[in-house]
Protein backbone atom coordinates (compact mmCIF):
# COMPACT_ATOMS: atom_id res chain seq x y z
CA MET A 1 144.82 122.43 139.52
CA GLU A 2 146.41 125.21 141.05
CA SER A 3 144.28 127.86 139.08
CA LEU A 4 141.24 126.35 139.93
CA VAL A 5 142.34 126.76 143.38
CA ASN A 6 143.00 130.09 143.17
CA MET A 7 139.67 130.67 141.03
CA LEU A 8 137.22 128.86 143.66
CA PRO A 9 136.89 132.00 145.85
CA TRP A 10 136.03 133.68 142.81
CA LEU A 11 133.25 131.47 141.46
CA LEU A 12 131.89 131.00 144.91
CA GLY A 13 131.56 134.54 145.71
CA GLY A 14 130.12 135.31 142.14
CA LEU A 15 127.50 132.41 142.93
CA VAL A 16 126.53 134.31 146.17
CA VAL A 17 125.89 137.75 144.09
CA VAL A 18 123.88 136.08 141.83
CA VAL A 19 122.04 134.40 144.38
CA ALA A 20 121.53 137.28 145.96
CA MET A 21 120.39 139.31 143.45
CA ALA A 22 117.80 136.44 142.42
CA ALA A 23 116.45 136.19 145.96
CA LEU A 24 116.42 140.64 146.10
CA GLN A 25 114.97 141.42 142.40
CA ARG A 26 111.21 141.35 143.70
CA PRO A 27 111.60 143.13 147.05
CA LEU A 28 113.86 145.90 144.80
CA ARG A 29 111.46 145.84 142.09
CA GLY A 30 108.78 147.26 144.52
CA LEU A 31 110.83 149.53 146.04
CA VAL A 32 111.98 151.01 142.48
CA ARG A 33 108.35 151.34 142.15
CA LEU A 34 107.37 152.86 145.36
CA VAL A 35 110.28 155.38 144.48
CA ALA A 36 109.09 156.31 141.01
CA ARG A 37 105.18 156.79 141.95
CA THR A 38 106.64 159.06 145.28
CA GLY A 39 108.47 161.24 142.78
CA VAL A 40 105.19 161.49 140.51
CA GLY A 41 103.35 162.49 143.47
CA LEU A 42 105.48 165.21 144.27
CA ALA A 43 105.72 166.57 140.80
CA ILE A 44 101.68 166.67 140.94
CA LEU A 45 102.13 168.01 144.56
CA TRP A 46 104.30 170.97 143.19
CA LEU A 47 102.07 171.27 140.16
CA LEU A 48 99.07 171.57 142.78
CA SER A 49 100.90 174.39 144.41
CA LYS A 50 101.38 176.64 141.71
CA VAL A 51 97.76 176.17 140.10
CA GLY A 52 96.12 175.24 143.44
CA GLY A 53 95.60 178.87 144.50
CA LEU A 54 93.70 179.56 141.54
CA ILE A 55 91.31 176.88 142.56
CA GLY A 56 91.09 177.05 145.89
CA VAL A 57 92.75 173.76 146.51
CA THR A 58 96.06 173.52 148.78
CA LEU A 59 98.35 170.80 149.62
CA GLY A 60 101.34 170.96 151.13
CA VAL A 61 104.79 169.45 149.05
CA ASN A 62 106.22 167.18 151.31
CA LEU A 63 107.69 163.39 151.23
CA PHE A 64 104.38 162.27 153.70
CA ASN A 65 101.84 163.62 151.03
CA ALA A 66 104.06 162.35 148.16
CA LEU A 67 103.87 158.91 149.65
CA VAL A 68 100.12 158.52 150.11
CA LEU A 69 100.02 159.30 146.52
CA GLY A 70 102.68 157.41 145.51
CA VAL A 71 100.95 154.34 147.39
CA LEU A 72 96.77 155.22 146.99
CA GLY A 73 97.26 157.48 143.87
CA ALA A 74 93.61 158.95 143.06
CA PRO A 75 92.27 158.16 146.10
CA GLY A 76 94.85 159.15 148.39
CA PHE A 77 94.86 162.46 146.64
CA GLY A 78 91.15 162.92 147.58
CA LEU A 79 91.93 161.52 150.91
CA LEU A 80 94.43 164.57 151.42
CA LEU A 81 91.95 166.84 150.12
CA MET A 82 88.99 165.78 152.59
CA LEU A 83 91.86 165.48 155.75
CA PRO A 84 91.53 169.51 156.76
CA TRP A 85 87.82 169.00 156.60
CA ALA A 86 87.95 165.79 159.13
CA LEU A 87 90.09 166.71 161.16
CA ARG A 88 88.05 170.15 162.05
């Protein structure tokens, strides 16, 4: 009986961890997806900075632009290209 009393805090702690992981699974999946898409957006911006001078397109390689590309995708790329024109 004493070993059950000693194991009870561990069992309750494990149960709390399992419930917390189940509750946070969906938000964490969305966060991981956003980080991955932002990384891809950052890579595209870097490639564009290398080739953009040849075709006359320039965008800054920064976290804000990468987040816009990560969240909005191709339409975000178009919006970033049109932003300097719209701010004139």
